[in-house]
Amino acid sequence: MSVISEPKTVKRRIAFRKANRRMTSKRIDLPLEKVSYLNPEVLAKFTSETGKILPRRVTGVSAKMHRRITREIKRARAVNLLP
């Protein structure tokens, strides 16, 4: 009979907890129509101070919404609406 135990080393334990952490609460306050490259104020909420796109686990949006946000951020950068 096998018993599930903790990972053997500290490094493995840290990696296990990082991989199995809970997602942040879902964001439902953002309508799909607001996500557009012509609306850089909304898109700026999903970028860091340095301009990097924030990950899903930080923003709490769905995968579909995150793909759309990423696409629109890149479009806004292409037409110089976002830095």
PDB file of N, CA and C in Angstrom:
ATOM      1  N   MET A   1       0.843  -1.170   0.000  1.00  0.00           N
ATOM      2  CA  MET A   1       0.000   0.000   0.000  1.00  0.00           C
ATOM      3  C   MET A   1       0.889   1.234   0.000  1.00  0.00           C
ATOM      4  N   SER A   2       0.673   2.127  -0.987  1.00  0.00           N
ATOM      5  CA  SER A   2       1.522   3.306  -1.062  1.00  0.00           C
ATOM      6  C   SER A   2       0.805   4.508  -0.455  1.00  0.00           C
ATOM      7  N   VAL A   3       1.571   5.262   0.275  1.00  0.00           N
ATOM      8  CA  VAL A   3       1.032   6.452   0.913  1.00  0.00           C
ATOM      9  C   VAL A   3       1.679   7.663   0.249  1.00  0.00           C
ATOM     10  N   ILE A   4       0.866   8.632  -0.146  1.00  0.00           N
ATOM     11  CA  ILE A   4       1.405   9.847  -0.761  1.00  0.00           C
ATOM     12  C   ILE A   4       2.054  10.682   0.328  1.00  0.00           C
ATOM     13  N   SER A   5       3.310  11.029   0.111  1.00  0.00           N
ATOM     14  CA  SER A   5       4.034  11.801   1.110  1.00  0.00           C
ATOM     15  C   SER A   5       4.564  13.086   0.488  1.00  0.00           C
ATOM     16  N   GLU A   6       5.205  13.857   1.292  1.00  0.00           N
ATOM     17  CA  GLU A   6       5.824  15.106   0.837  1.00  0.00           C
ATOM     18  C   GLU A   6       6.998  14.796  -0.086  1.00  0.00           C
ATOM     19  N   PRO A   7       7.327  15.718  -1.001  1.00  0.00           N
ATOM     20  CA  PRO A   7       8.532  15.538  -1.815  1.00  0.00           C
ATOM     21  C   PRO A   7       9.780  15.445  -0.930  1.00  0.00           C
ATOM     22  N   LYS A   8      10.795  14.737  -1.430  1.00  0.00           N
ATOM     23  CA  LYS A   8      11.950  14.395  -0.609  1.00  0.00           C
ATOM     24  C   LYS A   8      12.818  15.569  -0.205  1.00  0.00           C
ATOM     25  N   THR A   9      13.060  16.485  -1.128  1.00  0.00           N
ATOM     26  CA  THR A   9      13.965  17.587  -0.809  1.00  0.00           C
ATOM     27  C   THR A   9      13.198  18.904  -0.734  1.00  0.00           C
ATOM     28  N   VAL A  10      13.847  19.900  -0.166  1.00  0.00           N
ATOM     29  CA  VAL A  10      13.234  21.226  -0.030  1.00  0.00           C
ATOM     30  C   VAL A  10      12.983  21.831  -1.412  1.00  0.00           C
ATOM     31  N   LYS A  11      13.939  21.649  -2.315  1.00  0.00           N
ATOM     32  CA  LYS A  11      13.805  22.202  -3.664  1.00  0.00           C
ATOM     33  C   LYS A  11      12.594  21.596  -4.385  1.00  0.00           C
ATOM     34  N   ARG A  12      12.421  20.283  -4.253  1.00  0.00           N
ATOM     35  CA  ARG A  12      11.277  19.618  -4.869  1.00  0.00           C
ATOM     36  C   ARG A  12       9.969  20.054  -4.226  1.00  0.00           C
ATOM     37  N   ARG A  13       9.980  20.244  -2.918  1.00  0.00           N
ATOM     38  CA  ARG A  13       8.777  20.674  -2.202  1.00  0.00           C
ATOM     39  C   ARG A  13       8.333  22.062  -2.661  1.00  0.00           C
ATOM     40  N   ILE A  14       9.294  22.971  -2.854  1.00  0.00           N
ATOM     41  CA  ILE A  14       8.986  24.327  -3.325  1.00  0.00           C
ATOM     42  C   ILE A  14       8.415  24.264  -4.742  1.00  0.00           C
ATOM     43  N   ALA A  15       9.024  23.454  -5.613  1.00  0.00           N
ATOM     44  CA  ALA A  15       8.543  23.327  -6.988  1.00  0.00           C
ATOM     45  C   ALA A  15       7.147  22.722  -7.026  1.00  0.00           C
ATOM     46  N   PHE A  16       6.888  21.746  -6.154  1.00  0.00           N
ATOM     47  CA  PHE A  16       5.572  21.108  -6.093  1.00  0.00           C
ATOM     48  C   PHE A  16       4.504  22.102  -5.676  1.00  0.00           C
ATOM     49  N   ARG A  17       4.800  22.914  -4.686  1.00  0.00           N
ATOM     50  CA  ARG A  17       3.816  23.898  -4.217  1.00  0.00           C
ATOM     51  C   ARG A  17       3.587  24.997  -5.242  1.00  0.00           C
ATOM     52  N   LYS A  18       4.647  25.387  -5.973  1.00  0.00           N
ATOM     53  CA  LYS A  18       4.489  26.399  -7.024  1.00  0.00           C
ATOM     54  C   LYS A  18       3.595  25.870  -8.137  1.00  0.00           C
ATOM     55  N   ALA A  19       3.790  24.610  -8.511  1.00  0.00           N
ATOM     56  CA  ALA A  19       3.033  24.021  -9.611  1.00  0.00           C
ATOM     57  C   ALA A  19       1.573  23.790  -9.226  1.00  0.00           C
ATOM     58  N   ASN A  20       1.289  23.606  -7.959  1.00  0.00           N
ATOM     59  CA  ASN A  20      -0.067  23.267  -7.528  1.00  0.00           C
ATOM     60  C   ASN A  20      -0.754  24.363  -6.743  1.00  0.00           C
ATOM     61  N   ARG A  21      -0.329  25.615  -6.950  1.00  0.00           N
ATOM     62  CA  ARG A  21      -0.987  26.684  -6.214  1.00  0.00           C
ATOM     63  C   ARG A  21      -2.310  27.043  -6.871  1.00  0.00           C
ATOM     64  N   ARG A  22      -3.188  27.652  -6.107  1.00  0.00           N
ATOM     65  CA  ARG A  22      -4.518  27.993  -6.582  1.00  0.00           C
ATOM     66  C   ARG A  22      -4.480  29.235  -7.473  1.00  0.00           C
ATOM     67  N   MET A  23      -5.402  29.269  -8.427  1.00  0.00           N
ATOM     68  CA  MET A  23      -5.540  30.444  -9.274  1.00  0.00           C
ATOM     69  C   MET A  23      -6.181  31.565  -8.462  1.00  0.00           C
ATOM     70  N   THR A  24      -5.934  32.805  -8.877  1.00  0.00           N
ATOM     71  CA  THR A  24      -6.595  33.927  -8.237  1.00  0.00           C
ATOM     72  C   THR A  24      -8.075  33.894  -8.597  1.00  0.00           C
ATOM     73  N   SER A  25      -8.874  34.667  -7.896  1.00  0.00           N
ATOM     74  CA  SER A  25     -10.307  34.677  -8.180  1.00  0.00           C
ATOM     75  C   SER A  25     -10.559  35.214  -9.583  1.00  0.00           C
ATOM     76  N   LYS A  26     -11.596  34.704 -10.209  1.00  0.00           N
ATOM     77  CA  LYS A  26     -11.898  35.056 -11.597  1.00  0.00           C
ATOM     78  C   LYS A  26     -12.367  36.498 -11.705  1.00  0.00           C
ATOM     79  N   ARG A  27     -11.905  37.157 -12.749  1.00  0.00           N
ATOM     80  CA  ARG A  27     -12.337  38.527 -13.038  1.00  0.00           C
ATOM     81  C   ARG A  27     -13.519  38.463 -13.977  1.00  0.00           C
ATOM     82  N   ILE A  28     -14.639  39.032 -13.560  1.00  0.00           N
ATOM     83  CA  ILE A  28     -15.804  39.053 -14.435  1.00  0.00           C
ATOM     84  C   ILE A  28     -16.266  40.482 -14.681  1.00  0.00           C
ATOM     85  N   ASP A  29     -15.492  41.459 -14.206  1.00  0.00           N
ATOM     86  CA  ASP A  29     -15.883  42.857 -14.337  1.00  0.00           C
ATOM     87  C   ASP A  29     -15.472  43.465 -15.673  1.00  0.00           C
ATOM     88  N   LEU A  30     -14.808  42.698 -16.520  1.00  0.00           N
ATOM     89  CA  LEU A  30     -14.287  43.219 -17.777  1.00  0.00           C
ATOM     90  C   LEU A  30     -15.085  42.649 -18.947  1.00  0.00           C
ATOM     91  N   PRO A  31     -15.937  43.464 -19.591  1.00  0.00           N
ATOM     92  CA  PRO A  31     -16.682  42.953 -20.751  1.00  0.00           C
ATOM     93  C   PRO A  31     -15.765  42.763 -21.957  1.00  0.00           C
ATOM     94  N   LEU A  32     -16.125  41.817 -22.788  1.00  0.00           N
ATOM     95  CA  LEU A  32     -15.303  41.467 -23.946  1.00  0.00           C
ATOM     96  C   LEU A  32     -15.206  42.623 -24.942  1.00  0.00           C
ATOM     97  N   GLU A  33     -16.231  43.471 -25.003  1.00  0.00           N
ATOM     98  CA  GLU A  33     -16.232  44.582 -25.951  1.00  0.00           C
ATOM     99  C   GLU A  33     -15.209  45.664 -25.581  1.00  0.00           C
ATOM    100  N   LYS A  34     -14.872  45.771 -24.278  1.00  0.00           N
ATOM    101  CA  LYS A  34     -13.918  46.794 -23.826  1.00  0.00           C
ATOM    102  C   LYS A  34     -12.490  46.474 -24.249  1.00  0.00           C
ATOM    103  N   VAL A  35     -12.216  45.191 -24.517  1.00  0.00           N
ATOM    104  CA  VAL A  35     -10.858  44.779 -24.870  1.00  0.00           C
ATOM    105  C   VAL A  35     -10.646  45.054 -26.354  1.00  0.00           C
ATOM    106  N   SER A  36      -9.979  46.163 -26.631  1.00  0.00           N
ATOM    107  CA  SER A  36      -9.694  46.552 -28.007  1.00  0.00           C
ATOM    108  C   SER A  36      -8.388  47.328 -28.021  1.00  0.00           C
ATOM    109  N   TYR A  37      -7.690  47.264 -29.126  1.00  0.00           N
ATOM    110  CA  TYR A  37      -6.425  48.007 -29.218  1.00  0.00           C
ATOM    111  C   TYR A  37      -6.661  49.505 -29.222  1.00  0.00           C
ATOM    112  N   LEU A  38      -7.893  49.922 -29.504  1.00  0.00           N
ATOM    113  CA  LEU A  38      -8.229  51.344 -29.489  1.00  0.00           C
ATOM    114  C   LEU A  38      -8.530  51.851 -28.087  1.00  0.00           C
ATOM    115  N   ASN A  39      -8.481  50.968 -27.095  1.00  0.00           N
ATOM    116  CA  ASN A  39      -8.780  51.311 -25.711  1.00  0.00           C
ATOM    117  C   ASN A  39      -7.545  51.027 -24.839  1.00  0.00           C
ATOM    118  N   PRO A  40      -6.474  51.824 -24.968  1.00  0.00           N
ATOM    119  CA  PRO A  40      -5.225  51.507 -24.263  1.00  0.00           C
ATOM    120  C   PRO A  40      -5.317  51.671 -22.746  1.00  0.00           C
ATOM    121  N   GLU A  41      -6.304  52.419 -22.236  1.00  0.00           N
ATOM    122  CA  GLU A  41      -6.432  52.571 -20.778  1.00  0.00           C
ATOM    123  C   GLU A  41      -6.762  51.229 -20.123  1.00  0.00           C
ATOM    124  N   VAL A  42      -7.628  50.462 -20.773  1.00  0.00           N
ATOM    125  CA  VAL A  42      -7.992  49.141 -20.240  1.00  0.00           C
ATOM    126  C   VAL A  42      -6.821  48.185 -20.386  1.00  0.00           C
ATOM    127  N   LEU A  43      -6.154  48.218 -21.531  1.00  0.00           N
ATOM    128  CA  LEU A  43      -5.035  47.297 -21.769  1.00  0.00           C
ATOM    129  C   LEU A  43      -3.853  47.579 -20.851  1.00  0.00           C
ATOM    130  N   ALA A  44      -3.699  48.829 -20.421  1.00  0.00           N
ATOM    131  CA  ALA A  44      -2.588  49.177 -19.534  1.00  0.00           C
ATOM    132  C   ALA A  44      -2.716  48.498 -18.175  1.00  0.00           C
ATOM    133  N   LYS A  45      -3.922  48.106 -17.784  1.00  0.00           N
ATOM    134  CA  LYS A  45      -4.116  47.402 -16.510  1.00  0.00           C
ATOM    135  C   LYS A  45      -3.503  46.006 -16.531  1.00  0.00           C
ATOM    136  N   PHE A  46      -3.267  45.469 -17.732  1.00  0.00           N
ATOM    137  CA  PHE A  46      -2.740  44.117 -17.872  1.00  0.00           C
ATOM    138  C   PHE A  46      -1.269  44.093 -18.223  1.00  0.00           C
ATOM    139  N   THR A  47      -0.595  45.236 -18.089  1.00  0.00           N
ATOM    140  CA  THR A  47       0.848  45.293 -18.312  1.00  0.00           C
ATOM    141  C   THR A  47       1.528  45.830 -17.059  1.00  0.00           C
ATOM    142  N   SER A  48       2.780  45.447 -16.873  1.00  0.00           N
ATOM    143  CA  SER A  48       3.547  45.928 -15.732  1.00  0.00           C
ATOM    144  C   SER A  48       4.104  47.316 -16.036  1.00  0.00           C
ATOM    145  N   GLU A  49       4.833  47.884 -15.080  1.00  0.00           N
ATOM    146  CA  GLU A  49       5.439  49.213 -15.281  1.00  0.00           C
ATOM    147  C   GLU A  49       6.450  49.187 -16.418  1.00  0.00           C
ATOM    148  N   THR A  50       7.085  48.037 -16.599  1.00  0.00           N
ATOM    149  CA  THR A  50       8.092  47.920 -17.649  1.00  0.00           C
ATOM    150  C   THR A  50       7.492  47.555 -18.999  1.00  0.00           C
ATOM    151  N   GLY A  51       6.187  47.320 -19.053  1.00  0.00           N
ATOM    152  CA  GLY A  51       5.526  47.022 -20.313  1.00  0.00           C
ATOM    153  C   GLY A  51       5.291  45.555 -20.587  1.00  0.00           C
ATOM    154  N   LYS A  52       5.653  44.684 -19.662  1.00  0.00           N
ATOM    155  CA  LYS A  52       5.438  43.256 -19.866  1.00  0.00           C
ATOM    156  C   LYS A  52       3.972  42.899 -19.610  1.00  0.00           C
ATOM    157  N   ILE A  53       3.485  41.917 -20.340  1.00  0.00           N
ATOM    158  CA  ILE A  53       2.107  41.457 -20.167  1.00  0.00           C
ATOM    159  C   ILE A  53       2.046  40.581 -18.918  1.00  0.00           C
ATOM    160  N   LEU A  54       1.109  40.890 -18.019  1.00  0.00           N
ATOM    161  CA  LEU A  54       0.986  40.141 -16.773  1.00  0.00           C
ATOM    162  C   LEU A  54       0.374  38.765 -17.036  1.00  0.00           C
ATOM    163  N   PRO A  55       0.798  37.739 -16.293  1.00  0.00           N
ATOM    164  CA  PRO A  55       0.274  36.390 -16.510  1.00  0.00           C
ATOM    165  C   PRO A  55      -1.152  36.227 -15.975  1.00  0.00           C
ATOM    166  N   ARG A  56      -1.799  35.169 -16.410  1.00  0.00           N
ATOM    167  CA  ARG A  56      -3.166  34.877 -15.997  1.00  0.00           C
ATOM    168  C   ARG A  56      -3.308  34.702 -14.497  1.00  0.00           C
ATOM    169  N   ARG A  57      -2.321  34.076 -13.871  1.00  0.00           N
ATOM    170  CA  ARG A  57      -2.448  33.815 -12.435  1.00  0.00           C
ATOM    171  C   ARG A  57      -2.420  35.095 -11.622  1.00  0.00           C
ATOM    172  N   VAL A  58      -1.914  36.175 -12.213  1.00  0.00           N
ATOM    173  CA  VAL A  58      -1.908  37.470 -11.532  1.00  0.00           C
ATOM    174  C   VAL A  58      -3.202  38.231 -11.814  1.00  0.00           C
ATOM    175  N   THR A  59      -3.626  38.240 -13.088  1.00  0.00           N
ATOM    176  CA  THR A  59      -4.797  39.023 -13.469  1.00  0.00           C
ATOM    177  C   THR A  59      -6.109  38.320 -13.170  1.00  0.00           C
ATOM    178  N   GLY A  60      -6.130  36.997 -13.231  1.00  0.00           N
ATOM    179  CA  GLY A  60      -7.344  36.252 -12.914  1.00  0.00           C
ATOM    180  C   GLY A  60      -8.342  36.170 -14.050  1.00  0.00           C
ATOM    181  N   VAL A  61      -7.919  36.397 -15.292  1.00  0.00           N
ATOM    182  CA  VAL A  61      -8.841  36.288 -16.418  1.00  0.00           C
ATOM    183  C   VAL A  61      -8.806  34.874 -16.992  1.00  0.00           C
ATOM    184  N   SER A  62      -9.816  34.537 -17.788  1.00  0.00           N
ATOM    185  CA  SER A  62      -9.864  33.216 -18.402  1.00  0.00           C
ATOM    186  C   SER A  62      -8.800  33.113 -19.495  1.00  0.00           C
ATOM    187  N   ALA A  63      -8.547  31.890 -19.947  1.00  0.00           N
ATOM    188  CA  ALA A  63      -7.529  31.676 -20.982  1.00  0.00           C
ATOM    189  C   ALA A  63      -7.935  32.353 -22.283  1.00  0.00           C
ATOM    190  N   LYS A  64      -9.210  32.255 -22.634  1.00  0.00           N
ATOM    191  CA  LYS A  64      -9.699  32.879 -23.863  1.00  0.00           C
ATOM    192  C   LYS A  64      -9.536  34.394 -23.808  1.00  0.00           C
ATOM    193  N   MET A  65      -9.906  34.970 -22.670  1.00  0.00           N
ATOM    194  CA  MET A  65      -9.788  36.416 -22.500  1.00  0.00           C
ATOM    195  C   MET A  65      -8.318  36.831 -22.511  1.00  0.00           C
ATOM    196  N   HIS A  66      -7.440  36.040 -21.898  1.00  0.00           N
ATOM    197  CA  HIS A  66      -6.023  36.378 -21.856  1.00  0.00           C
ATOM    198  C   HIS A  66      -5.410  36.374 -23.252  1.00  0.00           C
ATOM    199  N   ARG A  67      -5.805  35.416 -24.078  1.00  0.00           N
ATOM    200  CA  ARG A  67      -5.308  35.391 -25.457  1.00  0.00           C
ATOM    201  C   ARG A  67      -5.757  36.636 -26.214  1.00  0.00           C
ATOM    202  N   ARG A  68      -6.990  37.031 -25.989  1.00  0.00           N
ATOM    203  CA  ARG A  68      -7.499  38.234 -26.669  1.00  0.00           C
ATOM    204  C   ARG A  68      -6.787  39.493 -26.176  1.00  0.00           C
ATOM    205  N   ILE A  69      -6.580  39.588 -24.866  1.00  0.00           N
ATOM    206  CA  ILE A  69      -5.875  40.743 -24.297  1.00  0.00           C
ATOM    207  C   ILE A  69      -4.464  40.827 -24.867  1.00  0.00           C
ATOM    208  N   THR A  70      -3.778  39.689 -24.932  1.00  0.00           N
ATOM    209  CA  THR A  70      -2.419  39.647 -25.472  1.00  0.00           C
ATOM    210  C   THR A  70      -2.392  40.122 -26.914  1.00  0.00           C
ATOM    211  N   ARG A  71      -3.326  39.641 -27.716  1.00  0.00           N
ATOM    212  CA  ARG A  71      -3.400  40.036 -29.126  1.00  0.00           C
ATOM    213  C   ARG A  71      -3.635  41.536 -29.268  1.00  0.00           C
ATOM    214  N   GLU A  72      -4.552  42.068 -28.468  1.00  0.00           N
ATOM    215  CA  GLU A  72      -4.883  43.487 -28.561  1.00  0.00           C
ATOM    216  C   GLU A  72      -3.744  44.374 -28.047  1.00  0.00           C
ATOM    217  N   ILE A  73      -3.011  43.913 -27.019  1.00  0.00           N
ATOM    218  CA  ILE A  73      -1.848  44.670 -26.533  1.00  0.00           C
ATOM    219  C   ILE A  73      -0.795  44.761 -27.630  1.00  0.00           C
ATOM    220  N   LYS A  74      -0.567  43.657 -28.317  1.00  0.00           N
ATOM    221  CA  LYS A  74       0.426  43.656 -29.395  1.00  0.00           C
ATOM    222  C   LYS A  74      -0.007  44.544 -30.551  1.00  0.00           C
ATOM    223  N   ARG A  75      -1.298  44.573 -30.847  1.00  0.00           N
ATOM    224  CA  ARG A  75      -1.803  45.470 -31.892  1.00  0.00           C
ATOM    225  C   ARG A  75      -1.627  46.929 -31.484  1.00  0.00           C
ATOM    226  N   ALA A  76      -1.932  47.224 -30.203  1.00  0.00           N
ATOM    227  CA  ALA A  76      -1.798  48.610 -29.715  1.00  0.00           C
ATOM    228  C   ALA A  76      -0.339  49.049 -29.753  1.00  0.00           C
ATOM    229  N   ARG A  77       0.571  48.138 -29.465  1.00  0.00           N
ATOM    230  CA  ARG A  77       1.997  48.475 -29.555  1.00  0.00           C
ATOM    231  C   ARG A  77       2.401  48.758 -31.004  1.00  0.00           C
ATOM    232  N   ALA A  78       1.825  48.005 -31.938  1.00  0.00           N
ATOM    233  CA  ALA A  78       2.177  48.154 -33.350  1.00  0.00           C
ATOM    234  C   ALA A  78       1.763  49.523 -33.898  1.00  0.00           C
ATOM    235  N   VAL A  79       0.675  50.083 -33.382  1.00  0.00           N
ATOM    236  CA  VAL A  79       0.224  51.406 -33.852  1.00  0.00           C
ATOM    237  C   VAL A  79       0.592  52.504 -32.857  1.00  0.00           C
ATOM    238  N   ASN A  80       1.518  52.200 -31.949  1.00  0.00           N
ATOM    239  CA  ASN A  80       2.073  53.160 -30.965  1.00  0.00           C
ATOM    240  C   ASN A  80       1.047  53.764 -30.023  1.00  0.00           C
ATOM    241  N   LEU A  81       0.048  52.987 -29.636  1.00  0.00           N
ATOM    242  CA  LEU A  81      -0.891  53.446 -28.600  1.00  0.00           C
ATOM    243  C   LEU A  81      -0.438  53.022 -27.221  1.00  0.00           C
ATOM    244  N   LEU A  82       0.376  51.967 -27.160  1.00  0.00           N
ATOM    245  CA  LEU A  82       0.963  51.490 -25.901  1.00  0.00           C
ATOM    246  C   LEU A  82       2.484  51.477 -26.044  1.00  0.00           C
ATOM    247  N   PRO A  83       3.187  51.795 -24.959  1.00  0.00           N
ATOM    248  CA  PRO A  83       4.660  51.721 -25.034  1.00  0.00           C
ATOM    249  C   PRO A  83       5.165  50.296 -25.020  1.00  0.00           C
TER     250      PRO A  83
END
